[in-house]
Amino acid sequence: MPSLKDIKRKVSAVQKTKQITRAMNMVAASKFKSAQMKMENFRPYAGKFMDVLNSLAGRAESISHPLLAVREPKRVRVICMTSDRGLCGGFNTNLIKATERFLREKTAENKEVGMINVGRKGRDYFRKKANILAHKVDVLSRFDMTLAAEIADEVIPAFIKEEYDELYLIYNQFVNVSIQRPSVVRLFPLPSIGQEMDGDGESNVDYSYEPSEEVLLQKLLPMYVHVLIFRALLETSAGENGARMAAMDNATSNCEELIRSLTLKMNKARQAAITAELMDIVGGTEALAKG
């Protein structure tokens, strides 16, 4: 059995760890509230933007734009979004596993795959395991639409120049604090533009656009890419802080359970020491009485 001094040292260490995890939980909770609010405010905008774009594409008689070009997919690029910091449970692990599965599938199809990493964890993991073309780290603590525009400006011209044929975005879709679901979205060629609309009343309404549908599409298609990337950034930020908040809450609970277990051991060790001292006293008293 460990000595009483060793157990006290362990209890003190676990108590300090508990203070750290509780503080990290509070910080993550504060950041999560802000990130969740931004994400929930942007989701309706992103959804309505997709509706408007599909409506325009469905009404335009002919659509001609480089981002709509469909080519034989021989070269593929992937934007992988992870967090910059750890201590957030399986947030990064699940996303990295999903990305690895995707890379294996594309490699098995004899396609050349290049990666663009957003987040330090993904960059560090795939540094020697994949062809990393670009990366952005330490950018998720504070960001705005400018970051999404910068990423889009790196991938749009390359697609137009036919440097690659398909672009995918892999990120964690936020469900709740405990669940962040890895999601794979194809950005290029744009998958949803021009799809048939549902047969509801709104799709049969004849709208008048100023300027024309084609001109609007020329302006809105690059914005479409910005919106999807920015939404993924918001989902990643909210998911990271939510996962870290849950992980630190579990860590704090584990510390409390460990403290209770160590305290019980410490009490048993103290009682054993007291009993041993009493036995020594009784033994000495009996020895003196017999003498």
Protein backbone atom coordinates (compact mmCIF):
# COMPACT_ATOMS: atom_id res chain seq x y z
CA MET A 1 0.00 0.00 0.00
CA PRO A 2 1.33 3.49 -0.82
CA SER A 3 2.46 5.57 2.12
CA LEU A 4 0.26 8.27 3.61
CA LYS A 5 2.61 10.94 2.30
CA ASP A 6 2.41 9.59 -1.28
CA ILE A 7 -1.39 9.52 -1.18
CA LYS A 8 -1.54 13.11 0.11
CA ARG A 9 0.76 14.17 -2.72
CA LYS A 10 -1.53 12.48 -5.28
CA VAL A 11 -4.62 14.11 -3.78
CA SER A 12 -2.98 17.53 -3.99
CA ALA A 13 -1.98 16.95 -7.62
CA VAL A 14 -5.47 15.82 -8.62
CA GLN A 15 -7.03 18.83 -6.88
CA LYS A 16 -4.80 21.17 -8.91
CA THR A 17 -5.76 19.31 -12.09
CA LYS A 18 -9.42 19.70 -11.16
CA GLN A 19 -8.98 23.46 -10.80
CA ILE A 20 -7.40 23.61 -14.26
CA THR A 21 -10.10 21.53 -15.95
CA ARG A 22 -12.86 23.54 -14.27
CA ALA A 23 -11.29 26.81 -15.44
CA MET A 24 -10.93 25.44 -18.99
CA ASN A 25 -14.55 24.33 -18.91
CA MET A 26 -15.67 27.83 -17.98
CA VAL A 27 -13.54 29.42 -20.72
CA ALA A 28 -14.83 26.94 -23.31
CA ALA A 29 -18.43 27.55 -22.19
CA SER A 30 -17.98 31.30 -22.68
CA LYS A 31 -16.47 30.84 -26.16
CA PHE A 32 -19.06 28.23 -27.09
CA LYS A 33 -21.95 30.56 -26.36
CA SER A 34 -20.56 33.18 -28.72
CA ALA A 35 -19.65 30.65 -31.43
CA GLN A 36 -23.04 28.95 -31.23
CA MET A 37 -24.85 32.26 -31.57
CA LYS A 38 -22.86 33.19 -34.69
CA MET A 39 -23.44 29.76 -36.21
CA GLU A 40 -27.20 29.75 -35.54
CA ASN A 41 -27.55 33.28 -36.90
CA PHE A 42 -25.71 32.34 -40.11
CA ARG A 43 -27.49 29.05 -40.81
CA PRO A 44 -30.77 30.65 -42.03
CA TYR A 45 -28.82 33.02 -44.28
CA ALA A 46 -26.84 30.14 -45.79
CA GLY A 47 -30.00 28.11 -46.35
CA LYS A 48 -31.86 31.00 -48.01
CA PHE A 49 -28.80 31.79 -50.13
CA MET A 50 -28.87 28.22 -51.47
CA ASP A 51 -32.60 28.52 -52.21
CA VAL A 52 -32.13 31.76 -54.14
CA LEU A 53 -29.19 30.38 -56.10
CA ASN A 54 -31.07 27.21 -57.05
CA SER A 55 -34.08 29.29 -58.02
CA LEU A 56 -31.94 31.43 -60.30
CA ALA A 57 -30.23 28.42 -61.85
CA GLY A 58 -33.55 26.72 -62.47
CA ARG A 59 -34.95 29.72 -64.33
CA ALA A 60 -31.89 30.56 -66.40
CA GLU A 61 -32.18 28.97 -69.83
CA SER A 62 -28.45 28.55 -70.25
CA ILE A 63 -25.78 28.71 -67.58
CA SER A 64 -22.16 29.18 -68.54
CA HIS A 65 -19.65 29.57 -65.75
CA PRO A 66 -16.23 27.96 -65.15
CA LEU A 67 -17.27 26.81 -61.67
CA LEU A 68 -20.00 24.66 -63.24
CA ALA A 69 -17.60 22.83 -65.54
CA VAL A 70 -17.75 19.06 -65.12
CA ARG A 71 -14.53 17.27 -66.03
CA GLU A 72 -13.25 13.75 -65.64
CA PRO A 73 -12.11 13.72 -61.98
CA LYS A 74 -8.45 12.76 -62.10
CA ARG A 75 -7.12 15.33 -59.60
CA VAL A 76 -8.93 16.00 -56.33
CA ARG A 77 -8.36 18.60 -53.63
CA VAL A 78 -9.65 18.44 -50.08
CA ILE A 79 -10.13 21.23 -47.54
CA CYS A 80 -9.87 19.61 -44.09
CA MET A 81 -10.99 21.71 -41.11
CA THR A 82 -9.79 20.76 -37.64
CA SER A 83 -9.10 22.74 -34.48
CA ASP A 84 -5.83 24.47 -33.63
CA ARG A 85 -5.76 23.12 -30.06
CA GLY A 86 -6.50 19.78 -28.47
CA LEU A 87 -8.24 18.74 -25.24
CA CYS A 88 -11.60 18.55 -27.02
CA GLY A 89 -12.39 14.85 -26.83
CA GLY A 90 -12.83 13.02 -30.12
CA PHE A 91 -13.53 16.18 -32.13
CA ASN A 92 -10.34 16.01 -34.19
CA THR A 93 -9.91 12.23 -34.07
CA ASN A 94 -13.28 11.51 -35.67
CA LEU A 95 -12.72 14.09 -38.40
CA ILE A 96 -9.22 12.81 -39.16
CA LYS A 97 -10.54 9.24 -39.43
CA ALA A 98 -13.25 10.39 -41.85
CA THR A 99 -10.64 12.26 -43.89
CA GLU A 100 -8.37 9.21 -43.99
CA ARG A 101 -11.25 7.06 -45.27
CA PHE A 102 -11.99 9.63 -47.96
CA LEU A 103 -8.32 9.77 -49.01
CA ARG A 104 -8.12 5.97 -49.22
CA GLU A 105 -11.24 5.85 -51.40
CA LYS A 106 -9.93 8.47 -53.82
CA THR A 107 -6.47 6.90 -53.93
CA ALA A 108 -8.02 3.51 -54.67
CA GLU A 109 -9.76 5.15 -57.64
CA ASN A 110 -6.30 6.20 -58.94
CA LYS A 111 -6.97 9.88 -58.32
CA GLU A 112 -4.30 12.38 -57.35
CA VAL A 113 -5.26 13.98 -54.04
CA GLY A 114 -3.96 17.26 -52.58
CA MET A 115 -4.91 18.75 -49.23
CA ILE A 116 -5.52 22.21 -47.83
CA ASN A 117 -5.51 22.11 -44.03
CA VAL A 118 -7.33 24.63 -41.87
CA GLY A 119 -6.33 24.05 -38.26
CA ARG A 120 -3.07 22.97 -36.65
CA LYS A 121 -4.18 19.47 -35.62
CA GLY A 122 -5.01 18.36 -39.15
CA ARG A 123 -1.86 19.99 -40.54
CA ASP A 124 0.36 18.22 -38.01
CA TYR A 125 -1.29 14.83 -38.53
CA PHE A 126 -1.25 14.80 -42.34
CA ARG A 127 2.11 16.52 -42.69
CA LYS A 128 3.90 13.28 -43.61
CA LYS A 129 0.86 11.25 -44.71
CA ALA A 130 -0.63 13.35 -47.51
CA ASN A 131 0.26 15.92 -50.14
CA ILE A 132 -0.39 19.21 -48.33
CA LEU A 133 -0.63 22.08 -50.79
CA ALA A 134 -1.44 24.85 -48.30
CA HIS A 135 -2.40 25.32 -44.68
CA LYS A 136 -3.81 27.91 -42.34
CA VAL A 137 -3.19 27.54 -38.61
CA ASP A 138 -3.99 29.63 -35.53
CA VAL A 139 -6.87 31.32 -37.37
CA LEU A 140 -9.94 29.81 -35.69
CA SER A 141 -9.77 31.76 -32.43
CA ARG A 142 -11.02 34.90 -34.18
CA PHE A 143 -12.13 35.00 -37.80
CA ASP A 144 -14.70 36.53 -40.14
CA MET A 145 -15.77 36.23 -43.77
CA THR A 146 -12.31 37.46 -44.78
CA LEU A 147 -10.82 34.07 -43.90
CA ALA A 148 -13.43 32.26 -46.01
CA ALA A 149 -12.67 34.64 -48.90
CA GLU A 150 -8.93 33.96 -48.58
CA ILE A 151 -9.49 30.20 -48.74
CA ALA A 152 -11.87 30.59 -51.68
CA ASP A 153 -9.36 32.78 -53.52
CA GLU A 154 -6.85 29.93 -53.29
CA VAL A 155 -9.15 27.27 -54.73
CA ILE A 156 -11.35 29.09 -57.28
CA PRO A 157 -8.61 30.30 -59.69
CA ALA A 158 -6.90 26.89 -59.58
CA PHE A 159 -10.14 25.15 -60.53
CA ILE A 160 -10.77 27.59 -63.38
CA LYS A 161 -7.21 26.96 -64.64
CA GLU A 162 -7.97 23.21 -64.54
CA GLU A 163 -5.22 22.49 -62.03
CA TYR A 164 -7.64 20.03 -60.43
CA ASP A 165 -11.07 18.62 -61.23
CA GLU A 166 -12.94 18.25 -57.93
CA LEU A 167 -12.89 20.03 -54.57
CA TYR A 168 -14.28 18.61 -51.34
CA LEU A 169 -14.79 20.22 -47.94
CA ILE A 170 -14.55 18.00 -44.83
CA TYR A 171 -15.59 19.49 -41.50
CA ASN A 172 -17.49 18.64 -38.32
CA GLN A 173 -21.16 19.54 -38.56
CA PHE A 174 -22.39 20.76 -35.18
CA VAL A 175 -25.37 18.80 -33.80
CA ASN A 176 -25.11 19.48 -30.08
CA VAL A 177 -22.46 19.84 -27.40
CA SER A 178 -21.76 16.10 -27.35
CA ILE A 179 -22.20 15.31 -31.06
CA GLN A 180 -20.21 16.75 -33.96
CA ARG A 181 -20.77 14.76 -37.13
CA PRO A 182 -18.01 14.64 -39.82
CA SER A 183 -19.46 15.92 -43.08
CA VAL A 184 -18.08 15.71 -46.64
CA VAL A 185 -19.36 18.34 -49.09
CA ARG A 186 -18.41 18.65 -52.75
CA LEU A 187 -17.73 22.26 -53.68
CA PHE A 188 -16.50 21.90 -57.28
CA PRO A 189 -18.14 21.17 -59.59
CA LEU A 190 -20.99 22.88 -57.77
CA PRO A 191 -23.38 20.02 -57.01
CA SER A 192 -26.72 21.67 -56.30
CA ILE A 193 -26.94 24.41 -58.93
CA GLY A 194 -29.56 23.68 -61.55
CA GLN A 195 -31.19 20.77 -59.74
CA GLU A 196 -34.94 20.40 -60.09
CA MET A 197 -36.95 22.37 -57.60
CA ASP A 198 -39.70 20.82 -55.50
CA GLY A 199 -43.14 21.00 -56.98
CA ASP A 200 -44.50 23.57 -54.56
CA GLY A 201 -46.17 26.87 -55.27
CA GLU A 202 -43.07 28.97 -54.78
CA SER A 203 -41.12 27.18 -57.51
CA ASN A 204 -43.82 28.01 -60.08
CA VAL A 205 -43.76 31.74 -59.38
CA ASP A 206 -42.40 33.78 -62.28
CA TYR A 207 -39.93 36.22 -60.74
CA SER A 208 -38.45 39.22 -62.50
CA TYR A 209 -34.74 39.76 -61.84
CA GLU A 210 -32.67 42.87 -62.31
CA PRO A 211 -30.12 42.33 -63.72
CA SER A 212 -30.70 39.08 -65.63
CA GLU A 213 -30.41 35.58 -64.15
CA GLU A 214 -27.12 34.94 -65.94
CA VAL A 215 -25.50 38.12 -64.66
CA LEU A 216 -26.64 37.40 -61.13
CA LEU A 217 -25.25 33.89 -61.30
CA GLN A 218 -21.89 35.23 -62.41
CA LYS A 219 -21.80 37.31 -59.21
CA LEU A 220 -23.39 34.82 -56.84
CA LEU A 221 -21.47 31.65 -57.71
CA PRO A 222 -18.20 32.82 -56.07
CA MET A 223 -20.25 34.04 -53.09
CA TYR A 224 -21.73 30.56 -52.88
CA VAL A 225 -18.25 29.17 -52.20
CA HIS A 226 -17.59 31.87 -49.60
CA VAL A 227 -20.85 31.07 -47.81
CA LEU A 228 -20.21 27.32 -47.64
CA ILE A 229 -16.64 27.76 -46.38
CA PHE A 230 -17.66 30.35 -43.80
CA ARG A 231 -20.48 28.13 -42.58
CA ALA A 232 -18.01 25.26 -42.17
CA LEU A 233 -15.69 27.56 -40.19
CA LEU A 234 -18.55 28.54 -37.86
CA GLU A 235 -19.61 24.91 -37.41
CA THR A 236 -16.01 23.95 -36.65
CA SER A 237 -15.59 26.74 -34.09
CA ALA A 238 -18.85 25.92 -32.30
CA GLY A 239 -18.14 22.19 -32.37
CA GLU A 240 -14.61 22.60 -31.04
CA ASN A 241 -15.65 24.70 -28.05
CA GLY A 242 -18.66 22.51 -27.35
CA ALA A 243 -16.52 19.37 -27.45
CA ARG A 244 -13.89 20.98 -25.22
CA MET A 245 -16.55 22.08 -22.75
CA ALA A 246 -17.94 18.54 -22.55
CA ALA A 247 -14.45 17.01 -22.31
CA MET A 248 -13.38 19.33 -19.49
CA ASP A 249 -16.65 18.68 -17.66
CA ASN A 250 -15.97 14.93 -17.85
CA ALA A 251 -12.37 15.49 -16.74
CA THR A 252 -13.56 17.50 -13.73
CA SER A 253 -15.99 14.73 -12.78
CA ASN A 254 -13.22 12.14 -13.11
CA CYS A 255 -10.97 14.26 -10.88
CA GLU A 256 -13.69 14.42 -8.22
CA GLU A 257 -14.16 10.66 -8.36
CA LEU A 258 -10.41 10.09 -8.13
CA ILE A 259 -10.15 12.47 -5.16
CA ARG A 260 -12.88 10.51 -3.34
CA SER A 261 -11.07 7.25 -4.04
CA LEU A 262 -7.70 8.62 -2.90
CA THR A 263 -9.27 10.18 0.19
CA LEU A 264 -10.69 6.78 1.13
CA LYS A 265 -7.28 5.20 0.68
CA MET A 266 -5.69 8.00 2.71
CA ASN A 267 -8.14 7.44 5.58
CA LYS A 268 -7.46 3.72 5.53
CA ALA A 269 -3.72 4.34 5.55
CA ARG A 270 -4.12 6.81 8.45
CA GLN A 271 -6.20 4.31 10.42
CA ALA A 272 -3.66 1.58 9.76
CA ALA A 273 -0.85 3.85 10.99
CA ILE A 274 -2.82 4.76 14.13
CA THR A 275 -3.58 1.08 14.79
CA ALA A 276 0.09 0.18 14.39
CA GLU A 277 1.09 2.91 16.84
CA LEU A 278 -1.50 1.71 19.37
CA MET A 279 -0.25 -1.85 19.04
CA ASP A 280 3.28 -0.63 19.73
CA ILE A 281 2.11 1.28 22.80
CA VAL A 282 0.11 -1.71 24.12
CA GLY A 283 3.01 -4.04 23.44
CA GLY A 284 5.42 -1.75 25.27
CA THR A 285 3.06 -1.38 28.22
CA GLU A 286 2.69 -5.15 28.57
CA ALA A 287 6.44 -5.60 28.36
CA LEU A 288 6.96 -3.08 31.17
CA ALA A 289 4.27 -4.76 33.30
CA LYS A 290 5.90 -8.15 32.96
CA GLY A 291 9.29 -6.66 33.80
